[in-house]
Amino acid sequence: MVTMFYGLTEGRISFWTYGKAQKTLNIQRDSRVSCLIEAGDEYSDLRGVLVYGVAKLVDDSEGILEVGTNVAERMAGMPDSPELLAEYVAYTGRKRVAFVVEPTRVISWDHRKLATPA
């Protein structure tokens, strides 16, 4: 299990990482992944989705920059300036690869639906 920033590429979970990172080697060895996204602070507010899938490698520079931009736009503290964002993504993307998750199974939950009406 590894915590990752993620974005959405054509509606699918996507992420990027360094090409020589251990997680890259692990995914190249076995491309099956699971992605867990949760939100909510109190038990009655918890909701989430668990996506099982296959991580497809994106190793062309245009695709890496697209995924990197999607990820960076979601990250807290990223600059609002499109020029600074593009500069950051281009600089950090030089040694990165990206992955797009092709879902094979999706499980979701929403505890807000369990609340009793007032």
N, C-alpha and C. Protein backbone atom coordinates (compact mmCIF):
# COMPACT_ATOMS: atom_id res chain seq x y z
N MET A 1 0.85 -1.17 0.00
CA MET A 1 0.00 0.00 0.00
C MET A 1 0.90 1.23 0.00
N VAL A 2 0.62 2.14 -0.92
CA VAL A 2 1.40 3.36 -1.04
C VAL A 2 0.44 4.52 -1.23
N THR A 3 0.61 5.59 -0.48
CA THR A 3 -0.20 6.78 -0.65
C THR A 3 0.29 7.54 -1.87
N MET A 4 -0.63 7.91 -2.75
CA MET A 4 -0.26 8.60 -3.99
C MET A 4 -1.21 9.76 -4.25
N PHE A 5 -0.66 10.85 -4.78
CA PHE A 5 -1.52 11.86 -5.38
C PHE A 5 -2.03 11.27 -6.67
N TYR A 6 -3.25 11.63 -7.04
CA TYR A 6 -3.81 11.06 -8.26
C TYR A 6 -4.59 12.13 -9.01
N GLY A 7 -4.87 11.85 -10.24
CA GLY A 7 -5.73 12.70 -11.07
C GLY A 7 -6.68 11.81 -11.82
N LEU A 8 -7.45 12.40 -12.68
CA LEU A 8 -8.36 11.64 -13.54
C LEU A 8 -7.98 11.93 -14.98
N THR A 9 -7.79 10.87 -15.74
CA THR A 9 -7.48 10.97 -17.16
C THR A 9 -8.59 10.23 -17.90
N GLU A 10 -9.39 10.99 -18.63
CA GLU A 10 -10.54 10.43 -19.33
C GLU A 10 -11.42 9.60 -18.38
N GLY A 11 -11.60 10.14 -17.17
CA GLY A 11 -12.46 9.51 -16.17
C GLY A 11 -11.85 8.35 -15.42
N ARG A 12 -10.59 8.03 -15.68
CA ARG A 12 -9.91 6.93 -14.99
C ARG A 12 -8.85 7.47 -14.06
N ILE A 13 -8.64 6.76 -12.95
CA ILE A 13 -7.61 7.16 -11.99
C ILE A 13 -6.25 7.09 -12.68
N SER A 14 -5.45 8.13 -12.48
CA SER A 14 -4.11 8.15 -13.05
C SER A 14 -3.14 8.73 -12.02
N PHE A 15 -1.89 8.34 -12.15
CA PHE A 15 -0.85 8.85 -11.25
C PHE A 15 0.48 8.78 -11.97
N TRP A 16 1.45 9.50 -11.44
CA TRP A 16 2.80 9.44 -12.01
C TRP A 16 3.80 9.23 -10.90
N THR A 17 4.97 8.73 -11.29
CA THR A 17 6.02 8.45 -10.33
C THR A 17 7.34 8.39 -11.10
N TYR A 18 8.42 8.32 -10.39
CA TYR A 18 9.72 8.24 -11.05
C TYR A 18 9.88 6.90 -11.75
N GLY A 19 10.46 6.94 -12.92
CA GLY A 19 10.64 5.73 -13.72
C GLY A 19 11.46 4.65 -13.03
N LYS A 20 12.36 5.04 -12.15
CA LYS A 20 13.21 4.07 -11.45
C LYS A 20 12.72 3.74 -10.05
N ALA A 21 11.53 4.24 -9.69
CA ALA A 21 10.98 3.99 -8.35
C ALA A 21 10.61 2.51 -8.20
N GLN A 22 10.67 2.04 -6.98
CA GLN A 22 10.32 0.64 -6.72
C GLN A 22 8.88 0.33 -7.14
N LYS A 23 7.97 1.28 -6.93
CA LYS A 23 6.58 1.02 -7.32
C LYS A 23 6.45 0.85 -8.83
N THR A 24 7.26 1.55 -9.60
CA THR A 24 7.26 1.38 -11.06
C THR A 24 7.70 -0.04 -11.41
N LEU A 25 8.78 -0.49 -10.79
CA LEU A 25 9.27 -1.85 -11.04
C LEU A 25 8.23 -2.88 -10.63
N ASN A 26 7.57 -2.66 -9.49
CA ASN A 26 6.54 -3.59 -9.02
C ASN A 26 5.38 -3.67 -9.99
N ILE A 27 4.92 -2.52 -10.49
CA ILE A 27 3.78 -2.51 -11.42
C ILE A 27 4.18 -3.14 -12.76
N GLN A 28 5.41 -2.93 -13.19
CA GLN A 28 5.85 -3.56 -14.44
C GLN A 28 5.93 -5.08 -14.29
N ARG A 29 6.20 -5.54 -13.09
CA ARG A 29 6.25 -6.98 -12.82
C ARG A 29 4.85 -7.58 -12.73
N ASP A 30 3.93 -6.85 -12.10
CA ASP A 30 2.54 -7.30 -11.94
C ASP A 30 1.67 -6.05 -11.96
N SER A 31 0.94 -5.84 -13.03
CA SER A 31 0.22 -4.59 -13.25
C SER A 31 -1.12 -4.50 -12.52
N ARG A 32 -1.48 -5.52 -11.75
CA ARG A 32 -2.74 -5.46 -10.99
C ARG A 32 -2.57 -4.50 -9.82
N VAL A 33 -3.54 -3.58 -9.67
CA VAL A 33 -3.50 -2.60 -8.58
C VAL A 33 -4.87 -2.47 -7.95
N SER A 34 -4.89 -1.88 -6.77
CA SER A 34 -6.14 -1.47 -6.15
C SER A 34 -5.94 -0.03 -5.68
N CYS A 35 -6.98 0.78 -5.85
CA CYS A 35 -6.94 2.19 -5.49
C CYS A 35 -8.09 2.48 -4.54
N LEU A 36 -7.79 3.05 -3.41
CA LEU A 36 -8.79 3.38 -2.40
C LEU A 36 -8.84 4.89 -2.24
N ILE A 37 -10.03 5.45 -2.42
CA ILE A 37 -10.24 6.88 -2.23
C ILE A 37 -11.38 7.03 -1.23
N GLU A 38 -11.10 7.76 -0.14
CA GLU A 38 -12.10 7.96 0.91
C GLU A 38 -12.24 9.44 1.21
N ALA A 39 -13.41 9.80 1.74
CA ALA A 39 -13.66 11.16 2.19
C ALA A 39 -14.57 11.10 3.41
N GLY A 40 -14.53 12.17 4.21
CA GLY A 40 -15.38 12.26 5.40
C GLY A 40 -14.55 12.19 6.66
N ASP A 41 -15.03 12.87 7.70
CA ASP A 41 -14.32 12.89 8.96
C ASP A 41 -15.03 12.06 10.03
N GLU A 42 -16.32 12.12 10.07
CA GLU A 42 -17.11 11.36 11.04
C GLU A 42 -17.61 10.08 10.38
N TYR A 43 -17.87 9.06 11.20
CA TYR A 43 -18.35 7.78 10.67
C TYR A 43 -19.57 7.96 9.78
N SER A 44 -20.48 8.83 10.20
CA SER A 44 -21.72 9.02 9.44
C SER A 44 -21.50 9.78 8.12
N ASP A 45 -20.30 10.33 7.93
CA ASP A 45 -19.99 11.06 6.71
C ASP A 45 -19.07 10.29 5.76
N LEU A 46 -18.60 9.11 6.19
CA LEU A 46 -17.63 8.38 5.38
C LEU A 46 -18.24 7.92 4.06
N ARG A 47 -17.44 8.06 3.01
CA ARG A 47 -17.81 7.55 1.70
C ARG A 47 -16.52 7.26 0.95
N GLY A 48 -16.62 6.38 0.00
CA GLY A 48 -15.41 6.05 -0.73
C GLY A 48 -15.65 5.11 -1.88
N VAL A 49 -14.56 4.82 -2.55
CA VAL A 49 -14.60 3.90 -3.68
C VAL A 49 -13.29 3.10 -3.66
N LEU A 50 -13.41 1.82 -3.95
CA LEU A 50 -12.26 0.93 -4.09
C LEU A 50 -12.28 0.44 -5.53
N VAL A 51 -11.24 0.73 -6.26
CA VAL A 51 -11.14 0.35 -7.67
C VAL A 51 -10.04 -0.69 -7.81
N TYR A 52 -10.41 -1.87 -8.27
CA TYR A 52 -9.43 -2.88 -8.67
C TYR A 52 -9.21 -2.71 -10.15
N GLY A 53 -7.98 -2.87 -10.60
CA GLY A 53 -7.75 -2.70 -12.02
C GLY A 53 -6.35 -3.08 -12.43
N VAL A 54 -6.05 -2.70 -13.66
CA VAL A 54 -4.74 -2.95 -14.26
C VAL A 54 -4.13 -1.60 -14.60
N ALA A 55 -2.91 -1.36 -14.13
CA ALA A 55 -2.21 -0.10 -14.38
C ALA A 55 -1.53 -0.18 -15.74
N LYS A 56 -1.93 0.70 -16.63
CA LYS A 56 -1.35 0.78 -17.97
C LYS A 56 -0.27 1.86 -17.98
N LEU A 57 0.92 1.48 -18.42
CA LEU A 57 2.05 2.40 -18.46
C LEU A 57 1.86 3.47 -19.52
N VAL A 58 2.15 4.71 -19.15
CA VAL A 58 2.21 5.84 -20.08
C VAL A 58 3.65 6.31 -20.04
N ASP A 59 4.37 6.14 -21.14
CA ASP A 59 5.78 6.54 -21.11
C ASP A 59 6.15 7.53 -22.20
N ASP A 60 5.16 8.01 -22.97
CA ASP A 60 5.46 9.05 -23.95
C ASP A 60 5.35 10.41 -23.25
N SER A 61 6.17 11.37 -23.67
CA SER A 61 6.25 12.64 -22.94
C SER A 61 4.93 13.39 -22.92
N GLU A 62 4.17 13.37 -23.98
CA GLU A 62 2.88 14.07 -24.00
C GLU A 62 1.90 13.46 -22.99
N GLY A 63 1.84 12.13 -22.96
CA GLY A 63 0.96 11.44 -22.01
C GLY A 63 1.37 11.66 -20.57
N ILE A 64 2.67 11.64 -20.32
CA ILE A 64 3.18 11.87 -18.96
C ILE A 64 2.82 13.28 -18.50
N LEU A 65 2.99 14.26 -19.38
CA LEU A 65 2.66 15.64 -19.02
C LEU A 65 1.15 15.80 -18.78
N GLU A 66 0.33 15.10 -19.55
CA GLU A 66 -1.12 15.17 -19.34
C GLU A 66 -1.49 14.63 -17.97
N VAL A 67 -0.97 13.44 -17.65
CA VAL A 67 -1.25 12.85 -16.33
C VAL A 67 -0.68 13.74 -15.24
N GLY A 68 0.55 14.21 -15.40
CA GLY A 68 1.17 15.07 -14.40
C GLY A 68 0.37 16.34 -14.16
N THR A 69 -0.16 16.92 -15.21
CA THR A 69 -0.99 18.11 -15.07
C THR A 69 -2.27 17.79 -14.31
N ASN A 70 -2.90 16.66 -14.64
CA ASN A 70 -4.12 16.24 -13.94
C ASN A 70 -3.86 16.04 -12.45
N VAL A 71 -2.73 15.41 -12.14
CA VAL A 71 -2.37 15.17 -10.73
C VAL A 71 -2.07 16.50 -10.04
N ALA A 72 -1.26 17.34 -10.66
CA ALA A 72 -0.85 18.61 -10.04
C ALA A 72 -2.04 19.53 -9.81
N GLU A 73 -3.01 19.52 -10.70
CA GLU A 73 -4.19 20.37 -10.52
C GLU A 73 -4.99 19.97 -9.29
N ARG A 74 -4.93 18.70 -8.90
CA ARG A 74 -5.66 18.23 -7.72
C ARG A 74 -4.90 18.44 -6.42
N MET A 75 -3.58 18.62 -6.50
CA MET A 75 -2.75 18.71 -5.30
C MET A 75 -2.97 20.02 -4.57
N ALA A 76 -3.00 19.94 -3.26
CA ALA A 76 -3.11 21.15 -2.44
C ALA A 76 -1.81 21.95 -2.56
N GLY A 77 -1.96 23.25 -2.61
CA GLY A 77 -0.79 24.12 -2.62
C GLY A 77 -0.15 24.33 -3.97
N MET A 78 -0.74 23.79 -5.03
CA MET A 78 -0.17 24.03 -6.36
C MET A 78 -0.53 25.45 -6.80
N PRO A 79 0.32 26.07 -7.57
CA PRO A 79 0.05 27.45 -7.99
C PRO A 79 -1.18 27.52 -8.89
N ASP A 80 -1.93 28.63 -8.75
CA ASP A 80 -3.10 28.84 -9.59
C ASP A 80 -2.72 29.28 -10.99
N SER A 81 -1.50 29.72 -11.17
CA SER A 81 -1.03 30.21 -12.46
C SER A 81 -0.79 29.04 -13.42
N PRO A 82 -1.46 29.04 -14.58
CA PRO A 82 -1.23 27.96 -15.56
C PRO A 82 0.23 27.88 -16.01
N GLU A 83 0.91 29.03 -16.09
CA GLU A 83 2.31 29.02 -16.52
C GLU A 83 3.20 28.33 -15.49
N LEU A 84 2.99 28.66 -14.19
CA LEU A 84 3.78 28.03 -13.14
C LEU A 84 3.48 26.54 -13.04
N LEU A 85 2.22 26.18 -13.21
CA LEU A 85 1.83 24.77 -13.17
C LEU A 85 2.50 24.01 -14.30
N ALA A 86 2.45 24.56 -15.51
CA ALA A 86 3.08 23.90 -16.67
C ALA A 86 4.59 23.77 -16.48
N GLU A 87 5.20 24.80 -15.90
CA GLU A 87 6.65 24.77 -15.65
C GLU A 87 7.00 23.68 -14.64
N TYR A 88 6.21 23.61 -13.57
CA TYR A 88 6.42 22.58 -12.54
C TYR A 88 6.28 21.18 -13.15
N VAL A 89 5.22 20.95 -13.90
CA VAL A 89 4.97 19.63 -14.47
C VAL A 89 6.07 19.26 -15.46
N ALA A 90 6.47 20.19 -16.31
CA ALA A 90 7.53 19.91 -17.28
C ALA A 90 8.85 19.58 -16.58
N TYR A 91 9.17 20.33 -15.53
CA TYR A 91 10.42 20.11 -14.81
C TYR A 91 10.41 18.76 -14.09
N THR A 92 9.35 18.49 -13.34
CA THR A 92 9.32 17.25 -12.56
C THR A 92 9.02 16.03 -13.42
N GLY A 93 8.44 16.24 -14.59
CA GLY A 93 8.08 15.12 -15.45
C GLY A 93 9.22 14.51 -16.24
N ARG A 94 10.38 15.14 -16.22
CA ARG A 94 11.51 14.65 -17.02
C ARG A 94 11.93 13.22 -16.68
N LYS A 95 11.81 12.83 -15.43
CA LYS A 95 12.26 11.50 -15.00
C LYS A 95 11.10 10.61 -14.59
N ARG A 96 9.90 10.99 -15.00
CA ARG A 96 8.72 10.26 -14.54
C ARG A 96 8.07 9.44 -15.65
N VAL A 97 7.30 8.47 -15.20
CA VAL A 97 6.38 7.73 -16.04
C VAL A 97 5.01 7.89 -15.40
N ALA A 98 3.99 7.52 -16.13
CA ALA A 98 2.64 7.66 -15.59
C ALA A 98 1.90 6.34 -15.79
N PHE A 99 0.83 6.20 -15.03
CA PHE A 99 -0.02 5.02 -15.14
C PHE A 99 -1.48 5.47 -15.14
N VAL A 100 -2.27 4.79 -15.96
CA VAL A 100 -3.71 4.99 -15.97
C VAL A 100 -4.32 3.65 -15.58
N VAL A 101 -5.25 3.67 -14.63
CA VAL A 101 -5.83 2.43 -14.13
C VAL A 101 -7.08 2.08 -14.93
N GLU A 102 -7.04 0.90 -15.56
CA GLU A 102 -8.20 0.36 -16.26
C GLU A 102 -8.97 -0.47 -15.25
N PRO A 103 -10.16 -0.01 -14.81
CA PRO A 103 -10.87 -0.71 -13.75
C PRO A 103 -11.39 -2.08 -14.19
N THR A 104 -11.30 -3.05 -13.28
CA THR A 104 -11.89 -4.37 -13.51
C THR A 104 -13.02 -4.64 -12.52
N ARG A 105 -13.01 -3.94 -11.39
CA ARG A 105 -14.06 -4.08 -10.39
C ARG A 105 -14.09 -2.81 -9.54
N VAL A 106 -15.30 -2.34 -9.21
CA VAL A 106 -15.46 -1.12 -8.43
C VAL A 106 -16.44 -1.38 -7.29
N ILE A 107 -16.03 -0.99 -6.10
CA ILE A 107 -16.88 -1.11 -4.91
C ILE A 107 -16.95 0.28 -4.28
N SER A 108 -18.17 0.72 -3.95
CA SER A 108 -18.30 2.04 -3.33
C SER A 108 -19.22 1.96 -2.13
N TRP A 109 -19.12 2.97 -1.27
CA TRP A 109 -19.97 3.06 -0.09
C TRP A 109 -20.18 4.52 0.25
N ASP A 110 -21.29 4.77 0.95
CA ASP A 110 -21.63 6.12 1.36
C ASP A 110 -22.44 6.05 2.64
N HIS A 111 -21.77 6.30 3.77
CA HIS A 111 -22.44 6.21 5.07
C HIS A 111 -23.46 7.33 5.27
N ARG A 112 -23.40 8.37 4.46
CA ARG A 112 -24.39 9.44 4.58
C ARG A 112 -25.79 8.91 4.29
N LYS A 113 -25.87 7.85 3.50
CA LYS A 113 -27.17 7.25 3.17
C LYS A 113 -27.76 6.46 4.35
N LEU A 114 -26.92 6.19 5.36
CA LEU A 114 -27.38 5.43 6.54
C LEU A 114 -28.03 6.34 7.58
N ALA A 115 -27.84 7.64 7.44
CA ALA A 115 -28.39 8.58 8.43
C ALA A 115 -29.91 8.52 8.43
N THR A 116 -30.47 8.56 9.64
CA THR A 116 -31.93 8.54 9.75
C THR A 116 -32.49 9.92 9.48
N PRO A 117 -33.58 9.99 8.75
CA PRO A 117 -34.17 11.32 8.45
C PRO A 117 -34.66 11.99 9.73
N ALA A 118 -34.54 13.30 9.79
CA ALA A 118 -34.96 14.07 10.98
C ALA A 118 -36.45 14.27 11.02
